[in-house]
């Protein structure tokens, strides 16, 4: 249940601003990724891509309105997979699954469980009431995350190549434990996940398109998402107490954009990149 009202400090506000201003633009590279994959290399195809992207995001918002608690839990799960997939670097097969669960689970389940009272208030805003269903699912997920972290640490003790990522995991765990949940999430989302994603995508795509083209497309998608967010807050917020609406717009907006972003990046782009690497190696 919602324990009370969340009083956001100036640090929390800075964290939310960082998520919007620094973290959100990493998804704005999706247009360039779509062009690279050949899904938007013509005007009509590009318009079709944007329409499909927006429709998928809109469907997520519509489903959230109808069944917010299941949608929040689903968002936490896919975020865990998406974060972990971006951070996992060594494992193959089931060990890669454990590595993904350890990295992504630390961010999602770790922050939530370390700061359960504060996070419950945020969850309450996002579902509009009772959070029991969300926590029941998250508690089960946490068990699997704990086992995955144990497996991951065991690998790091035996194999040197795992140790740098184990140190990263330990540093993040320490950070998440000592700073407020919104701050911990913002640091990870902006400085680890987004930075790693942008560096990897740009280094690959700049071989196929100019940096100027990448910047223009990223800026256009970023401005569009910012304008949509500002319009939503302006339309929905109670200006005497805007915090709940701001949190809803940011995190439900992230959920809405994460679904098409994850399908494009994790489903198509990474698979295409692996295929290109295999073709290059076989030559």
C-alpha atoms as a PDB file:
ATOM      1  CA  UNK A   1       0.000   0.000   0.000  1.00  0.00           C
ATOM      2  CA  UNK A   2       1.076   3.592  -0.494  1.00  0.00           C
ATOM      3  CA  UNK A   3       2.835   4.665   2.672  1.00  0.00           C
ATOM      4  CA  UNK A   4       2.418   8.391   2.171  1.00  0.00           C
ATOM      5  CA  UNK A   5       3.240  11.334   0.024  1.00  0.00           C
ATOM      6  CA  UNK A   6       6.669  11.497  -1.515  1.00  0.00           C
ATOM      7  CA  UNK A   7       8.509  14.684  -0.637  1.00  0.00           C
ATOM      8  CA  UNK A   8      10.959  15.254  -3.453  1.00  0.00           C
ATOM      9  CA  UNK A   9      14.202  16.932  -2.498  1.00  0.00           C
ATOM     10  CA  UNK A  10      16.205  19.161  -4.801  1.00  0.00           C
ATOM     11  CA  UNK A  11      18.451  16.140  -5.446  1.00  0.00           C
ATOM     12  CA  UNK A  12      15.427  14.089  -6.556  1.00  0.00           C
ATOM     13  CA  UNK A  13      14.374  16.878  -8.916  1.00  0.00           C
ATOM     14  CA  UNK A  14      17.874  17.023 -10.397  1.00  0.00           C
ATOM     15  CA  UNK A  15      17.762  13.242 -10.834  1.00  0.00           C
ATOM     16  CA  UNK A  16      14.430  13.371 -12.677  1.00  0.00           C
ATOM     17  CA  UNK A  17      15.686  16.228 -14.846  1.00  0.00           C
ATOM     18  CA  UNK A  18      18.773  14.174 -15.708  1.00  0.00           C
ATOM     19  CA  UNK A  19      16.619  11.195 -16.725  1.00  0.00           C
ATOM     20  CA  UNK A  20      14.621  13.431 -19.065  1.00  0.00           C
ATOM     21  CA  UNK A  21      17.422  15.651 -20.401  1.00  0.00           C
ATOM     22  CA  UNK A  22      20.327  13.168 -20.524  1.00  0.00           C
ATOM     23  CA  UNK A  23      18.905   9.659 -20.354  1.00  0.00           C
ATOM     24  CA  UNK A  24      15.877   9.992 -22.616  1.00  0.00           C
ATOM     25  CA  UNK A  25      17.820  11.151 -25.722  1.00  0.00           C
ATOM     26  CA  UNK A  26      19.638   7.800 -25.930  1.00  0.00           C
ATOM     27  CA  UNK A  27      16.410   6.336 -27.308  1.00  0.00           C
ATOM     28  CA  UNK A  28      16.269   9.114 -29.886  1.00  0.00           C
ATOM     29  CA  UNK A  29      18.882   7.213 -31.881  1.00  0.00           C
ATOM     30  CA  UNK A  30      16.152   4.737 -32.834  1.00  0.00           C
ATOM     31  CA  UNK A  31      15.410   6.629 -36.049  1.00  0.00           C
ATOM     32  CA  UNK A  32      19.032   6.299 -37.132  1.00  0.00           C
ATOM     33  CA  UNK A  33      19.018   2.616 -36.158  1.00  0.00           C
ATOM     34  CA  UNK A  34      15.882   2.044 -38.239  1.00  0.00           C
ATOM     35  CA  UNK A  35      17.531   3.715 -41.236  1.00  0.00           C
ATOM     36  CA  UNK A  36      20.647   1.593 -40.767  1.00  0.00           C
ATOM     37  CA  UNK A  37      18.529  -1.578 -40.727  1.00  0.00           C
ATOM     38  CA  UNK A  38      16.713  -0.487 -43.882  1.00  0.00           C
ATOM     39  CA  UNK A  39      13.328   0.070 -42.225  1.00  0.00           C
ATOM     40  CA  UNK A  40      13.312   3.831 -42.822  1.00  0.00           C
ATOM     41  CA  UNK A  41      15.621   4.497 -45.761  1.00  0.00           C
ATOM     42  CA  UNK A  42      12.800   6.044 -47.825  1.00  0.00           C
ATOM     43  CA  UNK A  43      10.426   8.834 -46.831  1.00  0.00           C
ATOM     44  CA  UNK A  44       7.356   6.586 -46.881  1.00  0.00           C
ATOM     45  CA  UNK A  45       9.148   3.878 -44.911  1.00  0.00           C
ATOM     46  CA  UNK A  46      10.390   6.455 -42.403  1.00  0.00           C
ATOM     47  CA  UNK A  47       6.864   7.823 -41.895  1.00  0.00           C
ATOM     48  CA  UNK A  48       5.568   4.257 -41.489  1.00  0.00           C
ATOM     49  CA  UNK A  49       8.273   3.577 -38.893  1.00  0.00           C
ATOM     50  CA  UNK A  50       7.365   6.688 -36.889  1.00  0.00           C
ATOM     51  CA  UNK A  51       3.629   5.896 -37.032  1.00  0.00           C
ATOM     52  CA  UNK A  52       4.210   2.303 -35.905  1.00  0.00           C
ATOM     53  CA  UNK A  53       6.571   3.469 -33.140  1.00  0.00           C
ATOM     54  CA  UNK A  54       4.020   5.999 -31.845  1.00  0.00           C
ATOM     55  CA  UNK A  55       1.160   3.489 -32.079  1.00  0.00           C
ATOM     56  CA  UNK A  56       3.103   0.956 -30.016  1.00  0.00           C
ATOM     57  CA  UNK A  57       3.905   3.604 -27.415  1.00  0.00           C
ATOM     58  CA  UNK A  58       0.262   4.689 -27.370  1.00  0.00           C
ATOM     59  CA  UNK A  59      -0.869   1.086 -26.902  1.00  0.00           C
ATOM     60  CA  UNK A  60       1.348   0.804 -23.821  1.00  0.00           C
ATOM     61  CA  UNK A  61      -0.201   3.958 -22.340  1.00  0.00           C
ATOM     62  CA  UNK A  62      -3.720   2.688 -23.105  1.00  0.00           C
ATOM     63  CA  UNK A  63      -3.013  -0.676 -21.474  1.00  0.00           C
ATOM     64  CA  UNK A  64      -1.493   1.115 -18.463  1.00  0.00           C
ATOM     65  CA  UNK A  65      -4.716   3.089 -17.993  1.00  0.00           C
ATOM     66  CA  UNK A  66      -6.777  -0.126 -18.096  1.00  0.00           C
ATOM     67  CA  UNK A  67      -4.525  -2.335 -15.933  1.00  0.00           C
ATOM     68  CA  UNK A  68      -1.781  -0.250 -14.308  1.00  0.00           C
ATOM     69  CA  UNK A  69      -0.396  -2.781 -11.808  1.00  0.00           C
ATOM     70  CA  UNK A  70       0.272  -5.591 -14.338  1.00  0.00           C
ATOM     71  CA  UNK A  71       1.728  -3.032 -16.750  1.00  0.00           C
ATOM     72  CA  UNK A  72       4.083  -1.654 -14.098  1.00  0.00           C
ATOM     73  CA  UNK A  73       5.289  -5.157 -13.232  1.00  0.00           C
ATOM     74  CA  UNK A  74       5.748  -5.951 -16.931  1.00  0.00           C
ATOM     75  CA  UNK A  75       7.667  -2.682 -17.371  1.00  0.00           C
ATOM     76  CA  UNK A  76       9.987  -3.581 -14.493  1.00  0.00           C
ATOM     77  CA  UNK A  77      10.651  -7.004 -16.030  1.00  0.00           C
ATOM     78  CA  UNK A  78      11.389  -5.742 -19.541  1.00  0.00           C
ATOM     79  CA  UNK A  79      13.530  -2.920 -18.114  1.00  0.00           C
ATOM     80  CA  UNK A  80      15.534  -5.502 -16.177  1.00  0.00           C
ATOM     81  CA  UNK A  81      16.082  -7.532 -19.351  1.00  0.00           C
ATOM     82  CA  UNK A  82      16.928  -4.438 -21.409  1.00  0.00           C
ATOM     83  CA  UNK A  83      19.403  -3.044 -18.874  1.00  0.00           C
ATOM     84  CA  UNK A  84      21.004  -6.437 -18.333  1.00  0.00           C
ATOM     85  CA  UNK A  85      21.320  -7.101 -22.067  1.00  0.00           C
ATOM     86  CA  UNK A  86      23.198  -3.838 -22.457  1.00  0.00           C
ATOM     87  CA  UNK A  87      25.573  -4.579 -19.566  1.00  0.00           C
ATOM     88  CA  UNK A  88      26.215  -8.328 -20.043  1.00  0.00           C
ATOM     89  CA  UNK A  89      29.524  -8.895 -21.823  1.00  0.00           C
ATOM     90  CA  UNK A  90      30.913 -12.356 -21.071  1.00  0.00           C
ATOM     91  CA  UNK A  91      28.351 -15.107 -20.670  1.00  0.00           C
ATOM     92  CA  UNK A  92      26.858 -17.376 -23.324  1.00  0.00           C
ATOM     93  CA  UNK A  93      23.800 -19.602 -23.118  1.00  0.00           C
ATOM     94  CA  UNK A  94      22.309 -19.844 -19.644  1.00  0.00           C
ATOM     95  CA  UNK A  95      25.293 -18.007 -18.162  1.00  0.00           C
ATOM     96  CA  UNK A  96      24.406 -14.982 -20.275  1.00  0.00           C
ATOM     97  CA  UNK A  97      20.897 -15.224 -18.845  1.00  0.00           C
ATOM     98  CA  UNK A  98      22.353 -15.188 -15.330  1.00  0.00           C
ATOM     99  CA  UNK A  99      24.571 -12.224 -16.212  1.00  0.00           C
ATOM    100  CA  UNK A 100      21.598 -10.309 -17.641  1.00  0.00           C
ATOM    101  CA  UNK A 101      19.528 -11.116 -14.558  1.00  0.00           C
ATOM    102  CA  UNK A 102      22.338 -10.052 -12.206  1.00  0.00           C
ATOM    103  CA  UNK A 103      23.011  -6.711 -13.897  1.00  0.00           C
ATOM    104  CA  UNK A 104      19.463  -5.733 -14.783  1.00  0.00           C
ATOM    105  CA  UNK A 105      18.011  -7.190 -11.604  1.00  0.00           C
ATOM    106  CA  UNK A 106      20.360  -5.190  -9.404  1.00  0.00           C
ATOM    107  CA  UNK A 107      19.049  -1.980 -10.955  1.00  0.00           C
ATOM    108  CA  UNK A 108      15.349  -2.837 -10.884  1.00  0.00           C
ATOM    109  CA  UNK A 109      14.883  -5.214  -7.952  1.00  0.00           C
ATOM    110  CA  UNK A 110      17.921  -3.977  -6.032  1.00  0.00           C
ATOM    111  CA  UNK A 111      16.910  -0.323  -5.881  1.00  0.00           C
ATOM    112  CA  UNK A 112      13.286  -1.271  -5.154  1.00  0.00           C
ATOM    113  CA  UNK A 113      14.118  -3.596  -2.263  1.00  0.00           C
ATOM    114  CA  UNK A 114      16.837  -1.385  -0.759  1.00  0.00           C
ATOM    115  CA  UNK A 115      14.432   1.571  -0.584  1.00  0.00           C
ATOM    116  CA  UNK A 116      11.104  -0.217  -0.347  1.00  0.00           C
ATOM    117  CA  UNK A 117       9.209   2.523   1.502  1.00  0.00           C
ATOM    118  CA  UNK A 118      10.190   5.351  -0.848  1.00  0.00           C
ATOM    119  CA  UNK A 119       9.786   3.212  -3.972  1.00  0.00           C
ATOM    120  CA  UNK A 120       6.356   2.030  -2.812  1.00  0.00           C
ATOM    121  CA  UNK A 121       5.171   5.638  -2.873  1.00  0.00           C
ATOM    122  CA  UNK A 122       6.397   6.025  -6.464  1.00  0.00           C
ATOM    123  CA  UNK A 123       4.751   2.721  -7.414  1.00  0.00           C
ATOM    124  CA  UNK A 124       1.559   3.955  -5.778  1.00  0.00           C
ATOM    125  CA  UNK A 125       1.559   7.037  -7.969  1.00  0.00           C
ATOM    126  CA  UNK A 126       2.155   4.915 -11.073  1.00  0.00           C
ATOM    127  CA  UNK A 127      -0.651   2.412 -10.410  1.00  0.00           C
ATOM    128  CA  UNK A 128      -3.007   4.858  -8.725  1.00  0.00           C
ATOM    129  CA  UNK A 129      -3.418   2.888  -5.509  1.00  0.00           C
ATOM    130  CA  UNK A 130      -2.668  -0.587  -4.169  1.00  0.00           C
ATOM    131  CA  UNK A 131       0.833  -1.865  -5.005  1.00  0.00           C
ATOM    132  CA  UNK A 132       0.476  -5.369  -3.522  1.00  0.00           C
ATOM    133  CA  UNK A 133       0.399  -7.095  -6.920  1.00  0.00           C
ATOM    134  CA  UNK A 134       3.581  -5.332  -8.038  1.00  0.00           C
ATOM    135  CA  UNK A 135       5.495  -6.208  -4.885  1.00  0.00           C
ATOM    136  CA  UNK A 136       4.330  -9.834  -4.967  1.00  0.00           C
ATOM    137  CA  UNK A 137       5.824 -10.225  -8.428  1.00  0.00           C
ATOM    138  CA  UNK A 138       8.932  -8.229  -7.573  1.00  0.00           C
ATOM    139  CA  UNK A 139       9.602 -10.321  -4.459  1.00  0.00           C
ATOM    140  CA  UNK A 140       9.624 -13.489  -6.581  1.00  0.00           C
ATOM    141  CA  UNK A 141      11.893 -11.853  -9.151  1.00  0.00           C
ATOM    142  CA  UNK A 142      14.272 -10.765  -6.379  1.00  0.00           C
ATOM    143  CA  UNK A 143      14.915 -14.404  -5.435  1.00  0.00           C
ATOM    144  CA  UNK A 144      16.053 -15.192  -8.988  1.00  0.00           C
ATOM    145  CA  UNK A 145      18.135 -12.014  -9.063  1.00  0.00           C
ATOM    146  CA  UNK A 146      19.873 -13.024  -5.828  1.00  0.00           C
ATOM    147  CA  UNK A 147      20.704 -16.471  -7.213  1.00  0.00           C
ATOM    148  CA  UNK A 148      21.981 -14.905 -10.444  1.00  0.00           C
ATOM    149  CA  UNK A 149      24.241 -12.518  -8.535  1.00  0.00           C
ATOM    150  CA  UNK A 150      25.691 -15.450  -6.564  1.00  0.00           C
ATOM    151  CA  UNK A 151      26.374 -17.305  -9.835  1.00  0.00           C
ATOM    152  CA  UNK A 152      27.894 -14.163 -11.341  1.00  0.00           C
ATOM    153  CA  UNK A 153      30.181 -13.537  -8.357  1.00  0.00           C
ATOM    154  CA  UNK A 154      31.261 -17.201  -8.403  1.00  0.00           C
ATOM    155  CA  UNK A 155      32.261 -16.819 -12.046  1.00  0.00           C
ATOM    156  CA  UNK A 156      34.231 -13.691 -11.184  1.00  0.00           C
ATOM    157  CA  UNK A 157      36.141 -15.553  -8.478  1.00  0.00           C
ATOM    158  CA  UNK A 158      37.170 -18.265 -10.934  1.00  0.00           C
ATOM    159  CA  UNK A 159      37.603 -16.346 -14.191  1.00  0.00           C
ATOM    160  CA  UNK A 160      39.579 -13.115 -14.471  1.00  0.00           C
ATOM    161  CA  UNK A 161      37.604 -11.716 -17.422  1.00  0.00           C
ATOM    162  CA  UNK A 162      34.463 -11.489 -15.265  1.00  0.00           C
ATOM    163  CA  UNK A 163      36.123  -9.433 -12.529  1.00  0.00           C
ATOM    164  CA  UNK A 164      35.852  -5.971 -14.072  1.00  0.00           C
ATOM    165  CA  UNK A 165      32.084  -6.345 -14.479  1.00  0.00           C
ATOM    166  CA  UNK A 166      31.873  -7.786 -10.961  1.00  0.00           C
ATOM    167  CA  UNK A 167      33.582  -4.646  -9.651  1.00  0.00           C
ATOM    168  CA  UNK A 168      31.091  -2.544 -11.631  1.00  0.00           C
ATOM    169  CA  UNK A 169      28.238  -4.517 -10.073  1.00  0.00           C
ATOM    170  CA  UNK A 170      29.671  -4.034  -6.564  1.00  0.00           C
ATOM    171  CA  UNK A 171      30.135  -0.286  -7.067  1.00  0.00           C
ATOM    172  CA  UNK A 172      26.578   0.085  -8.351  1.00  0.00           C
ATOM    173  CA  UNK A 173      25.210  -1.939  -5.432  1.00  0.00           C
ATOM    174  CA  UNK A 174      27.039   0.355  -3.002  1.00  0.00           C
ATOM    175  CA  UNK A 175      25.757   3.448  -4.800  1.00  0.00           C
ATOM    176  CA  UNK A 176      22.161   2.173  -4.823  1.00  0.00           C
ATOM    177  CA  UNK A 177      22.348   1.413  -1.104  1.00  0.00           C
ATOM    178  CA  UNK A 178      23.573   4.837   0.021  1.00  0.00           C
ATOM    179  CA  UNK A 179      21.749   7.312  -2.250  1.00  0.00           C
ATOM    180  CA  UNK A 180      18.000   7.939  -2.644  1.00  0.00           C
ATOM    181  CA  UNK A 181      16.298   5.607  -5.159  1.00  0.00           C
ATOM    182  CA  UNK A 182      15.581   8.245  -7.805  1.00  0.00           C
ATOM    183  CA  UNK A 183      19.180   9.442  -7.632  1.00  0.00           C
ATOM    184  CA  UNK A 184      20.595   5.920  -7.882  1.00  0.00           C
ATOM    185  CA  UNK A 185      18.398   5.140 -10.865  1.00  0.00           C
ATOM    186  CA  UNK A 186      19.292   8.417 -12.584  1.00  0.00           C
ATOM    187  CA  UNK A 187      23.036   7.842 -12.149  1.00  0.00           C
ATOM    188  CA  UNK A 188      22.750   4.364 -13.642  1.00  0.00           C
ATOM    189  CA  UNK A 189      20.327   5.330 -16.417  1.00  0.00           C
ATOM    190  CA  UNK A 190      22.306   8.375 -17.547  1.00  0.00           C
ATOM    191  CA  UNK A 191      25.953   7.541 -16.864  1.00  0.00           C
ATOM    192  CA  UNK A 192      25.983   3.767 -17.392  1.00  0.00           C
ATOM    193  CA  UNK A 193      23.096   2.541 -19.530  1.00  0.00           C
ATOM    194  CA  UNK A 194      22.602   5.571 -21.792  1.00  0.00           C
ATOM    195  CA  UNK A 195      26.320   6.346 -22.101  1.00  0.00           C
ATOM    196  CA  UNK A 196      27.139   2.740 -22.998  1.00  0.00           C
ATOM    197  CA  UNK A 197      24.240   2.550 -25.455  1.00  0.00           C
ATOM    198  CA  UNK A 198      25.104   5.818 -27.217  1.00  0.00           C
ATOM    199  CA  UNK A 199      28.815   4.986 -27.440  1.00  0.00           C
ATOM    200  CA  UNK A 200      28.119   1.574 -28.944  1.00  0.00           C
ATOM    201  CA  UNK A 201      25.455   2.745 -31.394  1.00  0.00           C
ATOM    202  CA  UNK A 202      27.328   5.841 -32.577  1.00  0.00           C
ATOM    203  CA  UNK A 203      30.626   3.989 -33.073  1.00  0.00           C
ATOM    204  CA  UNK A 204      28.797   1.492 -35.279  1.00  0.00           C
ATOM    205  CA  UNK A 205      26.440   3.796 -37.178  1.00  0.00           C
ATOM    206  CA  UNK A 206      29.012   6.486 -37.977  1.00  0.00           C
ATOM    207  CA  UNK A 207      30.511   4.006 -40.452  1.00  0.00           C
ATOM    208  CA  UNK A 208      27.267   4.198 -42.434  1.00  0.00           C
ATOM    209  CA  UNK A 209      26.064   7.782 -41.923  1.00  0.00           C
ATOM    210  CA  UNK A 210      27.540  11.154 -41.025  1.00  0.00           C
ATOM    211  CA  UNK A 211      27.777  12.433 -37.464  1.00  0.00           C
ATOM    212  CA  UNK A 212      25.721  15.470 -38.536  1.00  0.00           C
ATOM    213  CA  UNK A 213      22.903  13.219 -39.748  1.00  0.00           C
ATOM    214  CA  UNK A 214      22.986  11.270 -36.480  1.00  0.00           C
ATOM    215  CA  UNK A 215      22.842  14.484 -34.451  1.00  0.00           C
ATOM    216  CA  UNK A 216      19.955  15.961 -36.458  1.00  0.00           C
ATOM    217  CA  UNK A 217      17.839  12.812 -36.151  1.00  0.00           C
ATOM    218  CA  UNK A 218      18.616  12.416 -32.453  1.00  0.00           C
ATOM    219  CA  UNK A 219      17.765  16.062 -31.755  1.00  0.00           C
ATOM    220  CA  UNK A 220      14.476  15.817 -33.664  1.00  0.00           C
ATOM    221  CA  UNK A 221      13.325  12.703 -31.789  1.00  0.00           C
ATOM    222  CA  UNK A 222      14.488  14.157 -28.464  1.00  0.00           C
ATOM    223  CA  UNK A 223      12.610  17.431 -28.941  1.00  0.00           C
ATOM    224  CA  UNK A 224       9.464  15.547 -29.968  1.00  0.00           C
ATOM    225  CA  UNK A 225       9.555  13.417 -26.806  1.00  0.00           C
ATOM    226  CA  UNK A 226      10.244  16.454 -24.608  1.00  0.00           C
ATOM    227  CA  UNK A 227       7.340  18.388 -26.138  1.00  0.00           C
ATOM    228  CA  UNK A 228       5.011  15.421 -25.667  1.00  0.00           C
ATOM    229  CA  UNK A 229       6.064  15.146 -22.014  1.00  0.00           C
ATOM    230  CA  UNK A 230       5.619  18.864 -21.333  1.00  0.00           C
ATOM    231  CA  UNK A 231       2.191  18.799 -22.976  1.00  0.00           C
ATOM    232  CA  UNK A 232       1.146  15.790 -20.879  1.00  0.00           C
ATOM    233  CA  UNK A 233       2.254  17.432 -17.628  1.00  0.00           C
ATOM    234  CA  UNK A 234       0.559  20.716 -18.570  1.00  0.00           C
ATOM    235  CA  UNK A 235      -2.667  18.931 -19.469  1.00  0.00           C
ATOM    236  CA  UNK A 236      -2.831  16.492 -16.541  1.00  0.00           C
ATOM    237  CA  UNK A 237      -1.022  18.077 -13.598  1.00  0.00           C
ATOM    238  CA  UNK A 238      -2.627  19.581 -10.540  1.00  0.00           C
ATOM    239  CA  UNK A 239      -0.317  22.578 -10.208  1.00  0.00           C
ATOM    240  CA  UNK A 240      -0.843  22.695  -6.440  1.00  0.00           C
ATOM    241  CA  UNK A 241       0.722  19.203  -6.219  1.00  0.00           C
ATOM    242  CA  UNK A 242       2.408  18.365  -9.546  1.00  0.00           C
ATOM    243  CA  UNK A 243       4.759  15.651  -8.218  1.00  0.00           C
ATOM    244  CA  UNK A 244       2.473  12.627  -8.845  1.00  0.00           C
ATOM    245  CA  UNK A 245       1.762  13.719 -12.415  1.00  0.00           C
ATOM    246  CA  UNK A 246       5.416  14.467 -13.159  1.00  0.00           C
ATOM    247  CA  UNK A 247       6.414  11.005 -11.927  1.00  0.00           C
ATOM    248  CA  UNK A 248       3.610   9.362 -13.914  1.00  0.00           C
ATOM    249  CA  UNK A 249       4.484  11.188 -17.122  1.00  0.00           C
ATOM    250  CA  UNK A 250       8.206  10.405 -16.820  1.00  0.00           C
ATOM    251  CA  UNK A 251       7.958   6.724 -15.900  1.00  0.00           C
ATOM    252  CA  UNK A 252       4.855   5.783 -17.901  1.00  0.00           C
ATOM    253  CA  UNK A 253       6.422   7.702 -20.779  1.00  0.00           C
ATOM    254  CA  UNK A 254       9.619   5.691 -20.337  1.00  0.00           C
ATOM    255  CA  UNK A 255       7.562   2.488 -20.326  1.00  0.00           C
ATOM    256  CA  UNK A 256       5.742   3.522 -23.497  1.00  0.00           C
ATOM    257  CA  UNK A 257       8.999   4.308 -25.299  1.00  0.00           C
ATOM    258  CA  UNK A 258      10.875   1.310 -23.891  1.00  0.00           C
ATOM    259  CA  UNK A 259       8.658  -1.250 -25.646  1.00  0.00           C
ATOM    260  CA  UNK A 260       9.319  -0.139 -29.272  1.00  0.00           C
ATOM    261  CA  UNK A 261      12.897   0.826 -28.327  1.00  0.00           C
ATOM    262  CA  UNK A 262      13.586  -2.628 -26.882  1.00  0.00           C
ATOM    263  CA  UNK A 263      12.005  -4.410 -29.857  1.00  0.00           C
ATOM    264  CA  UNK A 264      14.148  -2.379 -32.249  1.00  0.00           C
ATOM    265  CA  UNK A 265      17.435  -2.506 -30.316  1.00  0.00           C
ATOM    266  CA  UNK A 266      17.341  -5.895 -28.585  1.00  0.00           C
ATOM    267  CA  UNK A 267      15.195  -7.653 -31.162  1.00  0.00           C
ATOM    268  CA  UNK A 268      16.522  -6.369 -34.499  1.00  0.00           C
ATOM    269  CA  UNK A 269      19.661  -4.228 -34.121  1.00  0.00           C
ATOM    270  CA  UNK A 270      21.722  -6.529 -31.885  1.00  0.00           C
ATOM    271  CA  UNK A 271      20.702  -9.562 -33.937  1.00  0.00           C
ATOM    272  CA  UNK A 272      21.711  -7.725 -37.123  1.00  0.00           C
ATOM    273  CA  UNK A 273      25.036  -6.654 -35.576  1.00  0.00           C
ATOM    274  CA  UNK A 274      25.851 -10.253 -34.630  1.00  0.00           C
ATOM    275  CA  UNK A 275      25.005 -11.386 -38.161  1.00  0.00           C
ATOM    276  CA  UNK A 276      27.287  -8.735 -39.661  1.00  0.00           C
ATOM    277  CA  UNK A 277      30.118  -9.763 -37.315  1.00  0.00           C
ATOM    278  CA  UNK A 278      29.716 -13.422 -38.310  1.00  0.00           C
ATOM    279  CA  UNK A 279      29.809 -12.485 -42.002  1.00  0.00           C
ATOM    280  CA  UNK A 280      32.933 -10.357 -41.473  1.00  0.00           C
ATOM    281  CA  UNK A 281      34.720 -13.115 -39.521  1.00  0.00           C
ATOM    282  CA  UNK A 282      33.850 -15.762 -42.136  1.00  0.00           C
ATOM    283  CA  UNK A 283      35.539 -13.777 -44.902  1.00  0.00           C
END
